[in-house]
Amino acid sequence: FNFGNDGNSEDLYKSTDYTNDCKMKVLQKATIGKGIDVVLMGDGFSDRLIADGTYLRTMKTACDKLFEKEPYKTFRDYFNVYCVYAVSKNEVYSEGSSTVFGCRKEEHTTHISGDNKLALAYAAQAIGFNKLENASIVVVLNSTQYAGTCYMNVPSSADRDWGEGTTISYVPKCENDENFGYTLQHEACGHGFAKLADEYVEAMGEISLYKKENTINEQNSYGWWKNIDFTDDPSEVKWAHILADERYSGEPEGIYEGAVNYTYGIWRPSYDSMMKDNDGSFNAPSREAIWYRIHKLAYGASLQYDFDDFAEYDAINRIPVEY
């Protein structure tokens, strides 16, 4: 990786020892189910930051942050987490790097572009190419800049509804571990693992019919974006079963207009959430999507989903009903 400077400046430290590049370390092994793979790697970490332990400490922090929120906290033992060492030439960001903040064609300043093929190649060092289809790959940038982007690859098969497809999330270390955690949880846990959509609203007007049809015909067919819908009918919206269940009567779930940057014509399940504000918790439809994918990957496609099983687990997250 080359997140750091392109090496033209004589004032910047330059890596000389690449012996650790592509080496792999197991951070945790699943003790339940078939094992769900998460691969962590860094960009912008020189040989000296690997030698002094900075790289490994950062990856261990990332690992812990991934499991801070439910349902990940409860089901942490279902996951394998690997760290792949990536030695960068430098430690300072520049426009000559393969990982770039912003994009000429991208309106959002939080956008990050990276070398996805290289990230896949590094991840394969840990789990092999044959297991990349369901892998969640996380590239941690050695930067305090606030940003984050997740790339969701189209799955090889569209006949499943539990969010198939490799993902690569680019997340900076941010200014502190708290913000690092929130960004990881939004990008890697929300987008990357559960294939959830953004719930935030920006002044982009009404979503177009073309965009709706494109989203419905593609993302929805893969089991992605279970936390947004194009109807406000409480009997037809994707989370209608949650709205109708008395166990969720005290919850803030509802039907709120605005999501995926659009103000009108698209609805989300809660006013605030991890997918809207990069803060707080995942709302109930998002937790269900996470729970569902964890169990399908852990036990196989033949597992029969029962909403009552999820609701029984989800009691720990629901607001207690006052009598």
Protein backbone atom coordinates (compact mmCIF):
# COMPACT_ATOMS: atom_id res chain seq x y z
CA PHE A 1 0.00 0.00 0.00
CA ASN A 2 1.09 3.56 -0.52
CA PHE A 3 -1.10 5.81 1.57
CA GLY A 4 1.96 7.79 2.52
CA ASN A 5 3.89 10.32 0.43
CA ASP A 6 5.11 9.19 -2.98
CA GLY A 7 8.71 9.49 -1.87
CA ASN A 8 9.72 12.65 -3.70
CA SER A 9 10.44 14.62 -0.53
CA GLU A 10 13.78 14.08 1.13
CA ASP A 11 12.32 15.32 4.43
CA LEU A 12 9.96 12.37 4.89
CA TYR A 13 10.83 9.08 6.52
CA LYS A 14 10.99 6.24 3.98
CA SER A 15 10.50 2.57 4.75
CA THR A 16 13.41 0.29 3.95
CA ASP A 17 12.34 -2.98 5.60
CA TYR A 18 9.51 -4.79 3.81
CA THR A 19 10.06 -8.20 5.36
CA ASN A 20 6.77 -7.98 7.32
CA ASP A 21 4.70 -7.04 4.28
CA CYS A 22 1.82 -9.49 3.66
CA LYS A 23 2.44 -11.39 6.88
CA MET A 24 -0.74 -12.39 8.70
CA LYS A 25 -1.73 -12.54 12.37
CA VAL A 26 -4.92 -14.05 13.79
CA LEU A 27 -6.60 -11.63 16.20
CA GLN A 28 -9.46 -13.97 17.07
CA LYS A 29 -10.93 -17.27 15.90
CA ALA A 30 -14.62 -18.12 15.85
CA THR A 31 -15.73 -20.61 18.49
CA ILE A 32 -19.31 -20.87 17.21
CA GLY A 33 -20.51 -21.69 13.70
CA LYS A 34 -18.50 -21.89 10.51
CA GLY A 35 -16.53 -18.71 11.16
CA ILE A 36 -17.27 -15.34 9.53
CA ASP A 37 -14.20 -13.65 8.09
CA VAL A 38 -13.09 -10.08 8.76
CA VAL A 39 -9.69 -8.98 7.46
CA LEU A 40 -8.00 -5.85 8.81
CA MET A 41 -5.05 -4.07 7.20
CA GLY A 42 -3.49 -0.63 7.34
CA ASP A 43 -2.37 2.05 4.92
CA GLY A 44 0.13 4.76 5.77
CA PHE A 45 2.05 2.65 8.29
CA SER A 46 5.81 2.52 7.68
CA ASP A 47 8.19 -0.26 8.66
CA ARG A 48 9.06 1.55 11.90
CA LEU A 49 5.38 1.79 12.91
CA ILE A 50 5.11 -1.94 12.43
CA ALA A 51 8.33 -2.60 14.33
CA ASP A 52 7.34 -0.51 17.36
CA GLY A 53 3.91 -2.17 17.64
CA THR A 54 1.82 0.82 16.50
CA TYR A 55 0.34 -1.11 13.58
CA LEU A 56 -0.74 -4.12 15.64
CA ARG A 57 -2.17 -1.95 18.45
CA THR A 58 -4.22 -0.05 15.88
CA MET A 59 -5.59 -3.26 14.38
CA LYS A 60 -6.44 -4.65 17.83
CA THR A 61 -8.29 -1.43 18.64
CA ALA A 62 -10.17 -1.72 15.35
CA CYS A 63 -11.08 -5.31 16.17
CA ASP A 64 -12.51 -4.36 19.56
CA LYS A 65 -14.43 -1.39 18.14
CA LEU A 66 -16.10 -3.61 15.53
CA PHE A 67 -17.79 -5.53 18.34
CA GLU A 68 -18.84 -2.68 20.63
CA LYS A 69 -22.41 -2.40 19.32
CA GLU A 70 -25.19 -4.97 19.24
CA PRO A 71 -25.74 -7.43 17.68
CA TYR A 72 -21.98 -7.71 17.08
CA LYS A 73 -21.22 -7.60 20.79
CA THR A 74 -23.35 -10.66 21.55
CA PHE A 75 -22.19 -12.64 18.51
CA ARG A 76 -18.50 -11.76 18.53
CA ASP A 77 -17.58 -15.45 18.95
CA TYR A 78 -19.00 -16.16 15.49
CA PHE A 79 -16.22 -14.17 13.78
CA ASN A 80 -12.67 -14.80 12.62
CA VAL A 81 -10.61 -11.60 12.60
CA TYR A 82 -7.28 -11.46 10.79
CA CYS A 83 -4.63 -8.77 10.61
CA VAL A 84 -2.52 -8.53 7.44
CA TYR A 85 0.60 -6.40 7.64
CA ALA A 86 1.00 -3.82 4.88
CA VAL A 87 4.21 -1.78 4.85
CA SER A 88 3.74 1.67 3.31
CA LYS A 89 6.56 3.77 1.89
CA ASN A 90 5.78 6.72 4.17
CA GLU A 91 3.51 7.83 6.99
CA VAL A 92 2.31 11.18 5.62
CA TYR A 93 -0.62 11.56 3.25
CA SER A 94 -0.09 13.04 -0.21
CA GLU A 95 -1.86 13.12 -3.56
CA GLY A 96 0.66 10.63 -4.89
CA SER A 97 -0.76 7.82 -2.78
CA SER A 98 -3.05 4.99 -3.86
CA THR A 99 -5.55 5.88 -1.14
CA VAL A 100 -7.00 9.32 -1.68
CA PHE A 101 -9.36 11.55 0.31
CA GLY A 102 -12.01 13.12 -1.88
CA CYS A 103 -12.64 12.63 -5.56
CA ARG A 104 -13.12 15.07 -8.41
CA LYS A 105 -16.46 13.51 -9.28
CA GLU A 106 -17.55 12.99 -5.68
CA GLU A 107 -19.55 15.68 -3.90
CA HIS A 108 -18.89 14.40 -0.40
CA THR A 109 -15.64 15.40 1.24
CA THR A 110 -15.74 12.23 3.35
CA HIS A 111 -15.21 10.08 0.27
CA ILE A 112 -12.11 7.85 0.12
CA SER A 113 -10.88 6.06 -2.98
CA GLY A 114 -8.38 3.23 -2.75
CA ASP A 115 -6.76 0.35 -4.59
CA ASN A 116 -9.48 -2.26 -4.10
CA LYS A 117 -7.67 -4.92 -6.11
CA LEU A 118 -4.63 -4.57 -3.88
CA ALA A 119 -6.79 -4.78 -0.75
CA LEU A 120 -8.32 -8.02 -2.07
CA ALA A 121 -4.86 -9.42 -2.78
CA TYR A 122 -3.71 -8.65 0.76
CA ALA A 123 -6.88 -10.14 2.25
CA ALA A 124 -6.31 -13.33 0.27
CA GLN A 125 -3.03 -13.75 2.17
CA ALA A 126 -5.13 -14.39 5.27
CA ILE A 127 -8.16 -16.33 4.03
CA GLY A 128 -7.45 -17.35 0.43
CA PHE A 129 -9.16 -16.12 -2.72
CA ASN A 130 -11.93 -18.72 -2.45
CA LYS A 131 -13.29 -17.13 0.74
CA LEU A 132 -13.32 -13.51 -0.40
CA GLU A 133 -16.97 -13.64 -1.54
CA ASN A 134 -18.28 -13.18 2.01
CA ALA A 135 -15.32 -11.38 3.54
CA SER A 136 -15.50 -7.96 5.15
CA ILE A 137 -12.22 -6.17 4.47
CA VAL A 138 -11.27 -3.07 6.45
CA VAL A 139 -8.41 -0.75 5.49
CA VAL A 140 -7.40 1.52 8.39
CA LEU A 141 -5.75 4.74 7.24
CA ASN A 142 -3.03 6.31 9.36
CA SER A 143 -4.78 9.68 9.36
CA THR A 144 -6.83 11.81 11.76
CA GLN A 145 -8.98 13.20 8.94
CA TYR A 146 -12.69 12.43 9.33
CA ALA A 147 -13.88 10.37 6.37
CA GLY A 148 -15.02 6.90 5.42
CA THR A 149 -16.19 4.92 2.40
CA CYS A 150 -17.32 1.36 1.82
CA TYR A 151 -17.20 -0.42 -1.55
CA MET A 152 -19.77 -3.21 -1.92
CA ASN A 153 -18.99 -5.72 -4.67
CA VAL A 154 -21.87 -7.32 -6.53
CA PRO A 155 -22.22 -10.98 -5.46
CA SER A 156 -21.74 -13.84 -7.89
CA SER A 157 -25.26 -15.08 -7.13
CA ALA A 158 -28.38 -12.95 -6.70
CA ASP A 159 -30.62 -15.74 -5.38
CA ARG A 160 -29.87 -15.07 -1.73
CA ASP A 161 -31.23 -12.35 0.51
CA TRP A 162 -28.64 -12.05 3.25
CA GLY A 163 -26.23 -9.53 1.82
CA GLU A 164 -23.72 -11.51 -0.19
CA GLY A 165 -20.70 -9.85 -1.75
CA THR A 166 -17.21 -8.79 -0.71
CA THR A 167 -16.87 -5.34 0.85
CA ILE A 168 -13.88 -3.06 1.39
CA SER A 169 -14.22 -0.29 3.97
CA TYR A 170 -11.70 2.57 4.19
CA VAL A 171 -11.64 4.14 7.66
CA PRO A 172 -9.10 6.61 9.12
CA LYS A 173 -7.90 6.32 12.72
CA CYS A 174 -9.62 9.67 13.33
CA GLU A 175 -8.67 12.04 16.15
CA ASN A 176 -9.55 9.60 18.94
CA ASP A 177 -10.67 6.02 19.51
CA GLU A 178 -14.30 7.03 20.06
CA ASN A 179 -14.63 8.60 16.61
CA PHE A 180 -12.60 5.74 15.15
CA GLY A 181 -15.14 3.33 16.61
CA TYR A 182 -18.17 5.21 15.31
CA THR A 183 -16.71 5.41 11.81
CA LEU A 184 -15.83 1.71 11.81
CA GLN A 185 -19.29 0.79 13.04
CA HIS A 186 -21.00 2.85 10.35
CA GLU A 187 -18.77 1.85 7.43
CA ALA A 188 -17.57 -1.68 8.23
CA CYS A 189 -20.40 -2.98 10.43
CA GLY A 190 -23.31 -1.14 8.83
CA HIS A 191 -22.37 -0.91 5.15
CA GLY A 192 -19.63 -3.52 4.99
CA PHE A 193 -21.12 -6.46 6.83
CA ALA A 194 -24.87 -5.87 6.89
CA LYS A 195 -25.11 -4.03 3.52
CA LEU A 196 -27.18 -1.29 5.13
CA ALA A 197 -27.92 2.00 3.36
CA ASP A 198 -27.15 5.47 4.66
CA GLU A 199 -30.08 7.00 6.51
CA TYR A 200 -28.84 10.56 6.55
CA VAL A 201 -30.67 13.30 4.69
CA GLU A 202 -29.08 16.03 2.59
CA ALA A 203 -30.67 18.61 0.34
CA MET A 204 -30.78 16.50 -2.83
CA GLY A 205 -34.54 16.76 -3.35
CA GLU A 206 -36.68 13.81 -4.37
CA ILE A 207 -35.17 10.51 -5.45
CA SER A 208 -35.76 9.86 -9.14
CA LEU A 209 -37.82 7.02 -10.60
CA TYR A 210 -34.69 5.79 -12.40
CA LYS A 211 -32.77 5.64 -9.14
CA LYS A 212 -35.63 3.82 -7.42
CA GLU A 213 -35.92 1.21 -10.13
CA ASN A 214 -32.16 0.75 -10.32
CA THR A 215 -31.97 0.29 -6.55
CA ILE A 216 -34.95 -2.07 -6.41
CA ASN A 217 -33.73 -4.22 -9.29
CA GLU A 218 -30.15 -4.48 -8.07
CA GLN A 219 -29.37 -3.79 -4.41
CA ASN A 220 -32.65 -5.16 -3.08
CA SER A 221 -32.27 -8.39 -5.06
CA TYR A 222 -28.98 -9.03 -3.24
CA GLY A 223 -30.55 -8.58 0.19
CA TRP A 224 -28.91 -5.17 0.60
CA TRP A 225 -30.45 -1.97 2.02
CA LYS A 226 -32.99 -3.57 4.36
CA ASN A 227 -33.18 -0.35 6.36
CA ILE A 228 -34.70 1.87 3.66
CA ASP A 229 -37.81 1.65 1.49
CA PHE A 230 -39.71 3.59 -1.15
CA THR A 231 -43.09 3.40 0.56
CA ASP A 232 -44.47 4.95 3.73
CA ASP A 233 -47.29 2.40 3.97
CA PRO A 234 -46.92 0.80 7.44
CA SER A 235 -48.34 -2.47 6.14
CA GLU A 236 -45.98 -2.64 3.14
CA VAL A 237 -42.70 -1.13 4.32
CA LYS A 238 -39.82 -3.61 4.75
CA TRP A 239 -40.00 -3.38 8.56
CA ALA A 240 -43.82 -3.66 8.75
CA HIS A 241 -43.53 -6.81 10.88
CA ILE A 242 -41.54 -4.87 13.49
CA LEU A 243 -44.00 -1.98 13.54
CA ALA A 244 -46.88 -4.43 14.02
CA ASP A 245 -45.23 -6.39 16.82
CA GLU A 246 -46.33 -5.38 20.34
CA ARG A 247 -42.88 -6.22 21.67
CA TYR A 248 -41.64 -3.14 19.78
CA SER A 249 -44.48 -0.84 20.82
CA GLY A 250 -42.19 1.23 23.03
CA GLU A 251 -39.50 1.59 20.37
CA PRO A 252 -38.73 4.72 18.33
CA GLU A 253 -39.12 2.79 15.06
CA GLY A 254 -41.47 4.31 12.54
CA ILE A 255 -41.39 5.61 8.98
CA TYR A 256 -39.33 8.78 8.50
CA GLU A 257 -38.91 10.44 5.13
CA GLY A 258 -35.40 11.00 3.85
CA ALA A 259 -32.40 8.70 3.40
CA VAL A 260 -29.39 8.05 1.13
CA ASN A 261 -28.93 11.83 0.81
CA TYR A 262 -32.45 12.36 -0.57
CA THR A 263 -35.08 14.41 1.25
CA TYR A 264 -38.21 13.02 -0.40
CA GLY A 265 -39.50 9.77 -1.83
CA ILE A 266 -37.49 7.41 0.37
CA TRP A 267 -38.02 6.38 3.99
CA ARG A 268 -35.93 5.13 6.93
CA PRO A 269 -36.97 3.29 10.14
CA SER A 270 -35.93 5.77 12.85
CA TYR A 271 -35.23 9.46 13.26
CA ASP A 272 -31.67 8.83 14.52
CA SER A 273 -29.41 5.82 14.16
CA MET A 274 -25.86 4.66 13.59
CA MET A 275 -26.54 4.77 9.84
CA LYS A 276 -27.77 8.36 10.03
CA ASP A 277 -25.46 10.06 12.52
CA ASN A 278 -22.44 7.73 12.85
CA ASP A 279 -23.42 7.59 16.52
CA GLY A 280 -25.73 5.76 18.90
CA SER A 281 -27.04 2.32 18.01
CA PHE A 282 -28.39 0.40 15.06
CA ASN A 283 -32.18 0.60 14.80
CA ALA A 284 -34.30 -2.56 14.98
CA PRO A 285 -34.53 -3.30 11.21
CA SER A 286 -30.75 -2.86 10.96
CA ARG A 287 -30.18 -5.14 13.96
CA GLU A 288 -32.41 -7.73 12.31
CA ALA A 289 -30.40 -7.53 9.07
CA ILE A 290 -27.16 -7.98 11.04
CA TRP A 291 -28.57 -10.87 13.10
CA TYR A 292 -29.91 -12.56 9.96
CA ARG A 293 -26.65 -12.38 8.03
CA ILE A 294 -24.59 -13.55 11.01
CA HIS A 295 -26.74 -16.65 11.38
CA LYS A 296 -26.89 -17.45 7.66
CA LEU A 297 -23.11 -17.27 7.35
CA ALA A 298 -22.51 -19.13 10.61
CA TYR A 299 -24.92 -21.99 10.00
CA GLY A 300 -25.47 -22.08 6.25
CA ALA A 301 -28.12 -21.20 3.69
CA SER A 302 -30.42 -23.98 4.88
CA LEU A 303 -30.98 -22.22 8.22
CA GLN A 304 -34.68 -21.32 8.49
CA TYR A 305 -35.22 -17.79 9.74
CA ASP A 306 -37.77 -17.22 12.48
CA PHE A 307 -38.49 -13.62 13.45
CA ASP A 308 -39.34 -14.76 16.98
CA ASP A 309 -35.78 -16.03 17.39
CA PHE A 310 -34.45 -12.59 16.51
CA ALA A 311 -37.02 -10.81 18.71
CA GLU A 312 -36.10 -13.05 21.65
CA TYR A 313 -32.44 -12.05 21.30
CA ASP A 314 -33.35 -8.41 20.63
CA ALA A 315 -35.04 -8.03 24.01
CA ILE A 316 -31.69 -6.78 25.34
CA ASN A 317 -31.89 -3.81 22.95
CA ARG A 318 -35.53 -2.85 23.27
CA ILE A 319 -36.75 -0.05 25.50
CA PRO A 320 -38.52 -1.59 28.53
CA VAL A 321 -42.27 -1.09 28.49
CA GLU A 322 -43.56 0.83 31.50
CA TYR A 323 -46.76 -0.43 33.10
